[in-house]
Amino acid sequence: MQKKELLQKYKKEEERLLVAKLLDKIEFCERRNKIEYTDFLDEHQENILKNVLCILKKDFILYGGYEEAERKILILYPQKLKSIFEENKFNLNTIITVFRLLPLKEEIQKLNHRAYLGGLIKLGIKREKIGDIIIHDDGADILILKDIEKYLYTNILTLKRFQNCNIQMVDLENISKKNQEMQEKRIVVSSLRLDNIISEICNTSRNKANEIILAEKVLVNSQSITKNTKILSQNDKITIRGKGKFLIKQILDETKKGKIPIIINFYK
């Protein structure tokens, strides 16, 4: 399939740009016979690029620094390096760095995921250069692309929220992972429409839920959904950007008043 044909499959400008950049990287990888990789991708972007690469039958890996990573980079490699990647011999520390921030004990509780991410964005770092942010008892491990390591190390302490932090650069093998605690929530909806369920999950109005959906902030099973009337099913996975990930664990029997109770799982 030609480049023009592939791009025509995508109606949204940002999706076409994403695919165009991938196609350029494929060309560079093959012409220069060297590794190429993307910035960190969200679920929807990852799904788009995987589909393109399956059509083109190209070798690639997706990696976010650890097995359960949500945000990942896509790595393309030439045939001469195929065995190295298949045998897991490539040093991925050359692409991704773990930036560990260790605040003072009395300041740890003040710093949540939003505070860490907001600080990096305030420094002018683009979101796509940042992978997962893993909060643990001593602070946070932030996965970043290697090419911003020096800039971040030089400037991070200029932010007031981080000025008392100890900084460590850590190998990927030594990420501090804290098991997330799964929570359960019971909601009651009038139907299994997406806007109904988003409204209850976010504890907001239907109008606001529709705004969230139309703003393309909702993924269902890794697919971006803008149709508010979509009917959801048990075991569907919902991602709401800025809110988190949710699983429809169980759809219970309809009540006498015609309402539908649903058990939702989510991470605390």
C-alpha atoms as a PDB file:
ATOM      1  CA  MET A   1       0.000   0.000   0.000  1.00  0.00           C
ATOM      2  CA  GLN A   2       1.348   3.426  -0.984  1.00  0.00           C
ATOM      3  CA  LYS A   3       1.926   6.223   1.537  1.00  0.00           C
ATOM      4  CA  LYS A   4      -0.883   8.355   0.069  1.00  0.00           C
ATOM      5  CA  GLU A   5      -3.379   5.486   0.338  1.00  0.00           C
ATOM      6  CA  LEU A   6      -2.470   4.844   3.952  1.00  0.00           C
ATOM      7  CA  LEU A   7      -2.826   8.483   4.930  1.00  0.00           C
ATOM      8  CA  GLN A   8      -6.220   8.721   3.248  1.00  0.00           C
ATOM      9  CA  LYS A   9      -7.545   6.112   5.701  1.00  0.00           C
ATOM     10  CA  TYR A  10      -7.268   8.690   8.503  1.00  0.00           C
ATOM     11  CA  LYS A  11      -9.647  11.647   8.478  1.00  0.00           C
ATOM     12  CA  LYS A  12      -8.297  13.491  11.522  1.00  0.00           C
ATOM     13  CA  GLU A  13      -5.289  15.714  10.947  1.00  0.00           C
ATOM     14  CA  GLU A  14      -3.477  14.591  14.109  1.00  0.00           C
ATOM     15  CA  GLU A  15      -3.872  10.922  13.110  1.00  0.00           C
ATOM     16  CA  ARG A  16      -2.559  11.567   9.602  1.00  0.00           C
ATOM     17  CA  LEU A  17       0.414  13.431  11.070  1.00  0.00           C
ATOM     18  CA  LEU A  18       1.095  10.554  13.470  1.00  0.00           C
ATOM     19  CA  VAL A  19       1.041   8.014  10.625  1.00  0.00           C
ATOM     20  CA  ALA A  20       3.100  10.261   8.335  1.00  0.00           C
ATOM     21  CA  LYS A  21       5.815  10.522  10.993  1.00  0.00           C
ATOM     22  CA  LEU A  22       5.824   6.747  11.358  1.00  0.00           C
ATOM     23  CA  LEU A  23       6.170   6.248   7.607  1.00  0.00           C
ATOM     24  CA  ASP A  24       9.120   8.645   7.594  1.00  0.00           C
ATOM     25  CA  LYS A  25      10.742   6.671  10.401  1.00  0.00           C
ATOM     26  CA  ILE A  26      10.232   3.416   8.503  1.00  0.00           C
ATOM     27  CA  GLU A  27      11.968   4.946   5.493  1.00  0.00           C
ATOM     28  CA  PHE A  28      14.868   6.241   7.626  1.00  0.00           C
ATOM     29  CA  CYS A  29      15.221   2.876   9.373  1.00  0.00           C
ATOM     30  CA  GLU A  30      15.460   1.005   6.071  1.00  0.00           C
ATOM     31  CA  ARG A  31      17.581   3.552   4.223  1.00  0.00           C
ATOM     32  CA  ARG A  32      20.042   4.246   7.043  1.00  0.00           C
ATOM     33  CA  ASN A  33      19.945   0.716   8.436  1.00  0.00           C
ATOM     34  CA  LYS A  34      19.539   1.986  11.997  1.00  0.00           C
ATOM     35  CA  ILE A  35      17.036   2.029  14.838  1.00  0.00           C
ATOM     36  CA  GLU A  36      14.220   4.587  14.827  1.00  0.00           C
ATOM     37  CA  TYR A  37      11.682   5.188  17.581  1.00  0.00           C
ATOM     38  CA  THR A  38       8.662   7.348  18.343  1.00  0.00           C
ATOM     39  CA  ASP A  39       7.834   9.519  21.321  1.00  0.00           C
ATOM     40  CA  PHE A  40       5.681   7.974  24.057  1.00  0.00           C
ATOM     41  CA  LEU A  41       2.262   6.949  22.749  1.00  0.00           C
ATOM     42  CA  ASP A  42      -1.106   6.701  24.435  1.00  0.00           C
ATOM     43  CA  GLU A  43      -3.412   3.716  23.849  1.00  0.00           C
ATOM     44  CA  HIS A  44      -5.177   5.219  20.864  1.00  0.00           C
ATOM     45  CA  GLN A  45      -1.976   6.286  19.107  1.00  0.00           C
ATOM     46  CA  GLU A  46      -0.424   2.893  19.797  1.00  0.00           C
ATOM     47  CA  ASN A  47      -3.401   1.128  18.260  1.00  0.00           C
ATOM     48  CA  ILE A  48      -3.254   3.264  15.093  1.00  0.00           C
ATOM     49  CA  LEU A  49       0.452   2.628  14.539  1.00  0.00           C
ATOM     50  CA  LYS A  50       0.173  -1.102  15.230  1.00  0.00           C
ATOM     51  CA  ASN A  51      -2.493  -1.353  12.545  1.00  0.00           C
ATOM     52  CA  VAL A  52      -0.293   0.477  10.036  1.00  0.00           C
ATOM     53  CA  LEU A  53       2.703  -1.734  10.791  1.00  0.00           C
ATOM     54  CA  CYS A  54       0.610  -4.883  10.479  1.00  0.00           C
ATOM     55  CA  ILE A  55      -0.558  -3.736   7.026  1.00  0.00           C
ATOM     56  CA  LEU A  56       3.045  -3.034   5.999  1.00  0.00           C
ATOM     57  CA  LYS A  57       4.347  -6.205   7.686  1.00  0.00           C
ATOM     58  CA  LYS A  58       7.161  -4.397   9.497  1.00  0.00           C
ATOM     59  CA  ASP A  59       9.065  -5.574  12.583  1.00  0.00           C
ATOM     60  CA  PHE A  60       8.686  -3.460  15.714  1.00  0.00           C
ATOM     61  CA  ILE A  61       8.442  -3.570  19.475  1.00  0.00           C
ATOM     62  CA  LEU A  62       6.425  -1.483  21.919  1.00  0.00           C
ATOM     63  CA  TYR A  63       8.104  -0.678  25.199  1.00  0.00           C
ATOM     64  CA  GLY A  64       7.360   1.637  28.107  1.00  0.00           C
ATOM     65  CA  GLY A  65      10.107   0.763  30.562  1.00  0.00           C
ATOM     66  CA  TYR A  66       8.362  -2.106  32.354  1.00  0.00           C
ATOM     67  CA  GLU A  67       5.820  -4.787  31.549  1.00  0.00           C
ATOM     68  CA  GLU A  68       2.674  -3.017  32.780  1.00  0.00           C
ATOM     69  CA  ALA A  69       3.531   0.397  31.289  1.00  0.00           C
ATOM     70  CA  GLU A  70       0.586   2.357  29.916  1.00  0.00           C
ATOM     71  CA  ARG A  71       2.537   4.803  27.760  1.00  0.00           C
ATOM     72  CA  LYS A  72       5.006   3.201  25.365  1.00  0.00           C
ATOM     73  CA  ILE A  73       7.392   4.051  22.568  1.00  0.00           C
ATOM     74  CA  LEU A  74       7.416   2.150  19.286  1.00  0.00           C
ATOM     75  CA  ILE A  75      10.844   0.975  18.144  1.00  0.00           C
ATOM     76  CA  LEU A  76      11.636   0.067  14.525  1.00  0.00           C
ATOM     77  CA  TYR A  77      14.774  -1.893  13.777  1.00  0.00           C
ATOM     78  CA  PRO A  78      16.576  -3.026  10.602  1.00  0.00           C
ATOM     79  CA  GLN A  79      16.907  -6.673   9.630  1.00  0.00           C
ATOM     80  CA  LYS A  80      20.542  -6.813  10.747  1.00  0.00           C
ATOM     81  CA  LEU A  81      19.404  -6.189  14.354  1.00  0.00           C
ATOM     82  CA  LYS A  82      16.383  -8.491  14.293  1.00  0.00           C
ATOM     83  CA  SER A  83      18.053 -11.278  16.280  1.00  0.00           C
ATOM     84  CA  ILE A  84      19.244  -8.810  18.947  1.00  0.00           C
ATOM     85  CA  PHE A  85      15.692  -7.617  19.589  1.00  0.00           C
ATOM     86  CA  GLU A  86      14.143 -11.073  19.362  1.00  0.00           C
ATOM     87  CA  GLU A  87      16.634 -12.338  21.960  1.00  0.00           C
ATOM     88  CA  ASN A  88      16.106  -9.240  24.187  1.00  0.00           C
ATOM     89  CA  LYS A  89      19.772  -8.276  23.958  1.00  0.00           C
ATOM     90  CA  PHE A  90      19.266  -4.624  23.036  1.00  0.00           C
ATOM     91  CA  ASN A  91      19.986  -2.165  25.876  1.00  0.00           C
ATOM     92  CA  LEU A  92      16.796  -0.145  26.155  1.00  0.00           C
ATOM     93  CA  ASN A  93      18.440   2.118  28.746  1.00  0.00           C
ATOM     94  CA  THR A  94      19.983   3.896  25.754  1.00  0.00           C
ATOM     95  CA  ILE A  95      16.515   5.154  24.771  1.00  0.00           C
ATOM     96  CA  ILE A  96      14.513   5.483  28.006  1.00  0.00           C
ATOM     97  CA  THR A  97      15.715   6.890  31.326  1.00  0.00           C
ATOM     98  CA  VAL A  98      14.171   6.533  34.780  1.00  0.00           C
ATOM     99  CA  PHE A  99      14.297   9.901  36.516  1.00  0.00           C
ATOM    100  CA  ARG A 100      13.769   9.365  40.243  1.00  0.00           C
ATOM    101  CA  LEU A 101      12.631  12.236  42.446  1.00  0.00           C
ATOM    102  CA  LEU A 102      12.883  11.747  46.211  1.00  0.00           C
ATOM    103  CA  PRO A 103      11.200  14.559  48.179  1.00  0.00           C
ATOM    104  CA  LEU A 104      11.641  15.200  51.894  1.00  0.00           C
ATOM    105  CA  LYS A 105       9.397  12.928  53.964  1.00  0.00           C
ATOM    106  CA  GLU A 106       7.181  15.816  55.064  1.00  0.00           C
ATOM    107  CA  GLU A 107       6.619  16.841  51.432  1.00  0.00           C
ATOM    108  CA  ILE A 108       5.840  13.440  49.880  1.00  0.00           C
ATOM    109  CA  GLN A 109       2.101  13.635  50.567  1.00  0.00           C
ATOM    110  CA  LYS A 110       1.854  16.979  48.747  1.00  0.00           C
ATOM    111  CA  LEU A 111       3.121  15.523  45.490  1.00  0.00           C
ATOM    112  CA  ASN A 112       0.724  13.405  43.447  1.00  0.00           C
ATOM    113  CA  HIS A 113       0.768  12.332  39.797  1.00  0.00           C
ATOM    114  CA  ARG A 114      -0.652  15.673  38.650  1.00  0.00           C
ATOM    115  CA  ALA A 115       1.965  17.644  40.603  1.00  0.00           C
ATOM    116  CA  TYR A 116       4.861  15.689  39.093  1.00  0.00           C
ATOM    117  CA  LEU A 117       3.507  15.860  35.547  1.00  0.00           C
ATOM    118  CA  GLY A 118       2.526  19.516  35.887  1.00  0.00           C
ATOM    119  CA  GLY A 119       6.031  20.392  37.021  1.00  0.00           C
ATOM    120  CA  LEU A 120       7.612  18.809  33.967  1.00  0.00           C
ATOM    121  CA  ILE A 121       5.144  20.487  31.629  1.00  0.00           C
ATOM    122  CA  LYS A 122       5.897  23.819  33.330  1.00  0.00           C
ATOM    123  CA  LEU A 123       9.549  23.351  32.366  1.00  0.00           C
ATOM    124  CA  GLY A 124       8.469  23.250  28.720  1.00  0.00           C
ATOM    125  CA  ILE A 125       8.776  19.476  28.312  1.00  0.00           C
ATOM    126  CA  LYS A 126       6.213  18.062  25.893  1.00  0.00           C
ATOM    127  CA  ARG A 127       3.866  15.392  27.223  1.00  0.00           C
ATOM    128  CA  GLU A 128       4.983  12.933  24.539  1.00  0.00           C
ATOM    129  CA  LYS A 129       8.532  12.975  25.940  1.00  0.00           C
ATOM    130  CA  ILE A 130       7.215  11.619  29.246  1.00  0.00           C
ATOM    131  CA  GLY A 131       6.128   8.040  29.853  1.00  0.00           C
ATOM    132  CA  ASP A 132       4.516   6.634  32.985  1.00  0.00           C
ATOM    133  CA  ILE A 133       4.939   8.347  36.332  1.00  0.00           C
ATOM    134  CA  ILE A 134       5.132   5.723  39.055  1.00  0.00           C
ATOM    135  CA  ILE A 135       4.307   7.027  42.514  1.00  0.00           C
ATOM    136  CA  HIS A 136       5.874   5.068  45.368  1.00  0.00           C
ATOM    137  CA  ASP A 137       6.458   5.492  49.109  1.00  0.00           C
ATOM    138  CA  ASP A 138       9.645   7.519  48.662  1.00  0.00           C
ATOM    139  CA  GLY A 139       8.585   9.742  45.759  1.00  0.00           C
ATOM    140  CA  ALA A 140       8.248   9.029  42.058  1.00  0.00           C
ATOM    141  CA  ASP A 141       9.993   7.276  39.180  1.00  0.00           C
ATOM    142  CA  ILE A 142       9.402   9.199  35.960  1.00  0.00           C
ATOM    143  CA  LEU A 143      10.105   7.515  32.642  1.00  0.00           C
ATOM    144  CA  ILE A 144      11.448   9.926  30.030  1.00  0.00           C
ATOM    145  CA  LEU A 145      13.162   9.772  26.668  1.00  0.00           C
ATOM    146  CA  LYS A 146      16.926   9.827  26.990  1.00  0.00           C
ATOM    147  CA  ASP A 147      17.210  12.951  24.846  1.00  0.00           C
ATOM    148  CA  ILE A 148      15.660  15.184  27.546  1.00  0.00           C
ATOM    149  CA  GLU A 149      17.601  13.686  30.462  1.00  0.00           C
ATOM    150  CA  LYS A 150      20.264  16.411  30.613  1.00  0.00           C
ATOM    151  CA  TYR A 151      17.755  19.259  30.297  1.00  0.00           C
ATOM    152  CA  LEU A 152      15.525  17.831  33.016  1.00  0.00           C
ATOM    153  CA  TYR A 153      18.422  17.153  35.370  1.00  0.00           C
ATOM    154  CA  THR A 154      19.694  20.719  34.917  1.00  0.00           C
ATOM    155  CA  ASN A 155      16.347  22.473  35.386  1.00  0.00           C
ATOM    156  CA  ILE A 156      14.151  20.346  37.658  1.00  0.00           C
ATOM    157  CA  LEU A 157      15.328  21.965  40.914  1.00  0.00           C
ATOM    158  CA  THR A 158      14.367  25.438  39.673  1.00  0.00           C
ATOM    159  CA  LEU A 159      10.758  24.534  40.430  1.00  0.00           C
ATOM    160  CA  LYS A 160       9.723  25.336  43.987  1.00  0.00           C
ATOM    161  CA  ARG A 161       7.797  22.079  44.412  1.00  0.00           C
ATOM    162  CA  PHE A 162      10.943  20.036  43.661  1.00  0.00           C
ATOM    163  CA  GLN A 163      13.686  22.222  45.121  1.00  0.00           C
ATOM    164  CA  ASN A 164      14.219  19.958  48.151  1.00  0.00           C
ATOM    165  CA  CYS A 165      14.177  16.711  46.159  1.00  0.00           C
ATOM    166  CA  ASN A 166      17.058  14.320  45.803  1.00  0.00           C
ATOM    167  CA  ILE A 167      17.549  13.294  42.151  1.00  0.00           C
ATOM    168  CA  GLN A 168      18.697   9.881  40.957  1.00  0.00           C
ATOM    169  CA  MET A 169      19.074   8.431  37.473  1.00  0.00           C
ATOM    170  CA  VAL A 170      18.036   4.780  37.645  1.00  0.00           C
ATOM    171  CA  ASP A 171      18.344   1.861  35.217  1.00  0.00           C
ATOM    172  CA  LEU A 172      15.086   0.411  33.923  1.00  0.00           C
ATOM    173  CA  GLU A 173      15.767  -2.822  35.806  1.00  0.00           C
ATOM    174  CA  ASN A 174      15.557  -0.909  39.109  1.00  0.00           C
ATOM    175  CA  ILE A 175      12.217   0.868  38.739  1.00  0.00           C
ATOM    176  CA  SER A 176      10.383   1.131  42.051  1.00  0.00           C
ATOM    177  CA  LYS A 177       6.977  -0.326  41.356  1.00  0.00           C
ATOM    178  CA  LYS A 178       4.191  -0.111  43.862  1.00  0.00           C
ATOM    179  CA  ASN A 179       1.224  -2.400  43.413  1.00  0.00           C
ATOM    180  CA  GLN A 180      -1.822  -0.296  42.668  1.00  0.00           C
ATOM    181  CA  GLU A 181      -4.803  -0.943  44.882  1.00  0.00           C
ATOM    182  CA  MET A 182      -7.871  -1.920  42.878  1.00  0.00           C
ATOM    183  CA  GLN A 183     -11.057  -0.180  44.000  1.00  0.00           C
ATOM    184  CA  GLU A 184     -14.655  -1.099  43.289  1.00  0.00           C
ATOM    185  CA  LYS A 185     -17.496   1.312  42.657  1.00  0.00           C
ATOM    186  CA  ARG A 186     -21.209   0.669  42.132  1.00  0.00           C
ATOM    187  CA  ILE A 187     -23.070   2.974  39.790  1.00  0.00           C
ATOM    188  CA  VAL A 188     -26.680   2.956  38.619  1.00  0.00           C
ATOM    189  CA  VAL A 189     -27.625   4.055  35.096  1.00  0.00           C
ATOM    190  CA  SER A 190     -30.795   4.305  33.040  1.00  0.00           C
ATOM    191  CA  SER A 191     -29.132   2.622  30.048  1.00  0.00           C
ATOM    192  CA  LEU A 192     -25.759   1.239  28.959  1.00  0.00           C
ATOM    193  CA  ARG A 193     -25.073   4.221  26.695  1.00  0.00           C
ATOM    194  CA  LEU A 194     -21.573   5.625  26.911  1.00  0.00           C
ATOM    195  CA  ASP A 195     -22.687   9.093  28.032  1.00  0.00           C
ATOM    196  CA  ASN A 196     -24.747   7.618  30.881  1.00  0.00           C
ATOM    197  CA  ILE A 197     -21.813   5.605  32.183  1.00  0.00           C
ATOM    198  CA  ILE A 198     -19.265   8.428  31.773  1.00  0.00           C
ATOM    199  CA  SER A 199     -21.617  10.758  33.655  1.00  0.00           C
ATOM    200  CA  GLU A 200     -21.805   8.376  36.615  1.00  0.00           C
ATOM    201  CA  ILE A 201     -18.106   7.481  36.649  1.00  0.00           C
ATOM    202  CA  CYS A 202     -17.102  11.164  36.617  1.00  0.00           C
ATOM    203  CA  ASN A 203     -19.965  12.202  38.903  1.00  0.00           C
ATOM    204  CA  THR A 204     -21.009  14.898  36.480  1.00  0.00           C
ATOM    205  CA  SER A 205     -23.950  15.885  34.289  1.00  0.00           C
ATOM    206  CA  ARG A 206     -24.879  14.206  31.011  1.00  0.00           C
ATOM    207  CA  ASN A 207     -24.066  17.447  29.181  1.00  0.00           C
ATOM    208  CA  LYS A 208     -20.581  17.524  30.699  1.00  0.00           C
ATOM    209  CA  ALA A 209     -20.123  13.823  29.922  1.00  0.00           C
ATOM    210  CA  ASN A 210     -20.992  14.516  26.286  1.00  0.00           C
ATOM    211  CA  GLU A 211     -18.423  17.319  26.204  1.00  0.00           C
ATOM    212  CA  ILE A 212     -15.775  14.899  27.484  1.00  0.00           C
ATOM    213  CA  ILE A 213     -16.727  12.364  24.793  1.00  0.00           C
ATOM    214  CA  LEU A 214     -16.798  14.924  21.959  1.00  0.00           C
ATOM    215  CA  ALA A 215     -13.400  16.241  23.088  1.00  0.00           C
ATOM    216  CA  GLU A 216     -12.046  12.766  22.253  1.00  0.00           C
ATOM    217  CA  LYS A 217     -10.997  12.105  25.829  1.00  0.00           C
ATOM    218  CA  VAL A 218     -12.660   8.688  26.010  1.00  0.00           C
ATOM    219  CA  LEU A 219     -11.288   5.364  24.807  1.00  0.00           C
ATOM    220  CA  VAL A 220     -13.221   2.104  24.911  1.00  0.00           C
ATOM    221  CA  ASN A 221     -11.053  -0.987  24.524  1.00  0.00           C
ATOM    222  CA  SER A 222      -8.214   1.222  23.203  1.00  0.00           C
ATOM    223  CA  GLN A 223     -10.442   2.821  20.528  1.00  0.00           C
ATOM    224  CA  SER A 224     -11.245   6.552  20.586  1.00  0.00           C
ATOM    225  CA  ILE A 225     -15.037   6.919  20.788  1.00  0.00           C
ATOM    226  CA  THR A 226     -16.980  10.114  20.039  1.00  0.00           C
ATOM    227  CA  LYS A 227     -20.437   8.546  19.672  1.00  0.00           C
ATOM    228  CA  ASN A 228     -22.239   9.146  22.955  1.00  0.00           C
ATOM    229  CA  THR A 229     -24.938   6.568  22.174  1.00  0.00           C
ATOM    230  CA  LYS A 230     -22.480   3.649  21.971  1.00  0.00           C
ATOM    231  CA  ILE A 231     -23.723   0.736  24.085  1.00  0.00           C
ATOM    232  CA  LEU A 232     -21.152  -0.705  26.475  1.00  0.00           C
ATOM    233  CA  SER A 233     -20.840  -4.303  27.631  1.00  0.00           C
ATOM    234  CA  GLN A 234     -19.442  -6.265  30.535  1.00  0.00           C
ATOM    235  CA  ASN A 235     -15.609  -6.403  30.549  1.00  0.00           C
ATOM    236  CA  ASP A 236     -15.289  -3.250  28.424  1.00  0.00           C
ATOM    237  CA  LYS A 237     -12.275  -1.173  29.400  1.00  0.00           C
ATOM    238  CA  ILE A 238     -12.791   2.582  29.523  1.00  0.00           C
ATOM    239  CA  THR A 239     -10.040   5.182  29.602  1.00  0.00           C
ATOM    240  CA  ILE A 240     -10.974   8.782  30.399  1.00  0.00           C
ATOM    241  CA  ARG A 241      -8.038  11.113  29.869  1.00  0.00           C
ATOM    242  CA  GLY A 242      -7.314  12.980  33.075  1.00  0.00           C
ATOM    243  CA  LYS A 243      -9.522  10.620  35.124  1.00  0.00           C
ATOM    244  CA  GLY A 244      -8.007   7.147  34.766  1.00  0.00           C
ATOM    245  CA  LYS A 245      -8.908   3.654  33.606  1.00  0.00           C
ATOM    246  CA  PHE A 246     -12.074   1.771  34.448  1.00  0.00           C
ATOM    247  CA  LEU A 247     -13.365  -1.751  33.865  1.00  0.00           C
ATOM    248  CA  ILE A 248     -17.030  -2.738  33.643  1.00  0.00           C
ATOM    249  CA  LYS A 249     -16.657  -5.735  35.928  1.00  0.00           C
ATOM    250  CA  GLN A 250     -20.303  -6.743  36.152  1.00  0.00           C
ATOM    251  CA  ILE A 251     -23.675  -5.607  34.818  1.00  0.00           C
ATOM    252  CA  LEU A 252     -26.344  -6.572  37.339  1.00  0.00           C
ATOM    253  CA  ASP A 253     -30.026  -7.325  36.817  1.00  0.00           C
ATOM    254  CA  GLU A 254     -32.290  -4.403  36.057  1.00  0.00           C
ATOM    255  CA  THR A 255     -34.151  -3.003  39.076  1.00  0.00           C
ATOM    256  CA  LYS A 256     -37.944  -2.766  39.377  1.00  0.00           C
ATOM    257  CA  LYS A 257     -37.640   0.900  38.399  1.00  0.00           C
ATOM    258  CA  GLY A 258     -35.832   0.004  35.191  1.00  0.00           C
ATOM    259  CA  LYS A 259     -32.376   1.093  36.363  1.00  0.00           C
ATOM    260  CA  ILE A 260     -29.202  -0.897  35.680  1.00  0.00           C
ATOM    261  CA  PRO A 261     -26.642  -1.349  38.483  1.00  0.00           C
ATOM    262  CA  ILE A 262     -23.036  -1.754  37.316  1.00  0.00           C
ATOM    263  CA  ILE A 263     -19.898  -2.733  39.221  1.00  0.00           C
ATOM    264  CA  ILE A 264     -16.909  -0.682  38.062  1.00  0.00           C
ATOM    265  CA  ASN A 265     -13.278  -1.517  38.892  1.00  0.00           C
ATOM    266  CA  PHE A 266     -10.643   1.206  38.906  1.00  0.00           C
ATOM    267  CA  TYR A 267      -7.249   1.955  40.362  1.00  0.00           C
ATOM    268  CA  LYS A 268      -7.041   4.167  43.425  1.00  0.00           C
END
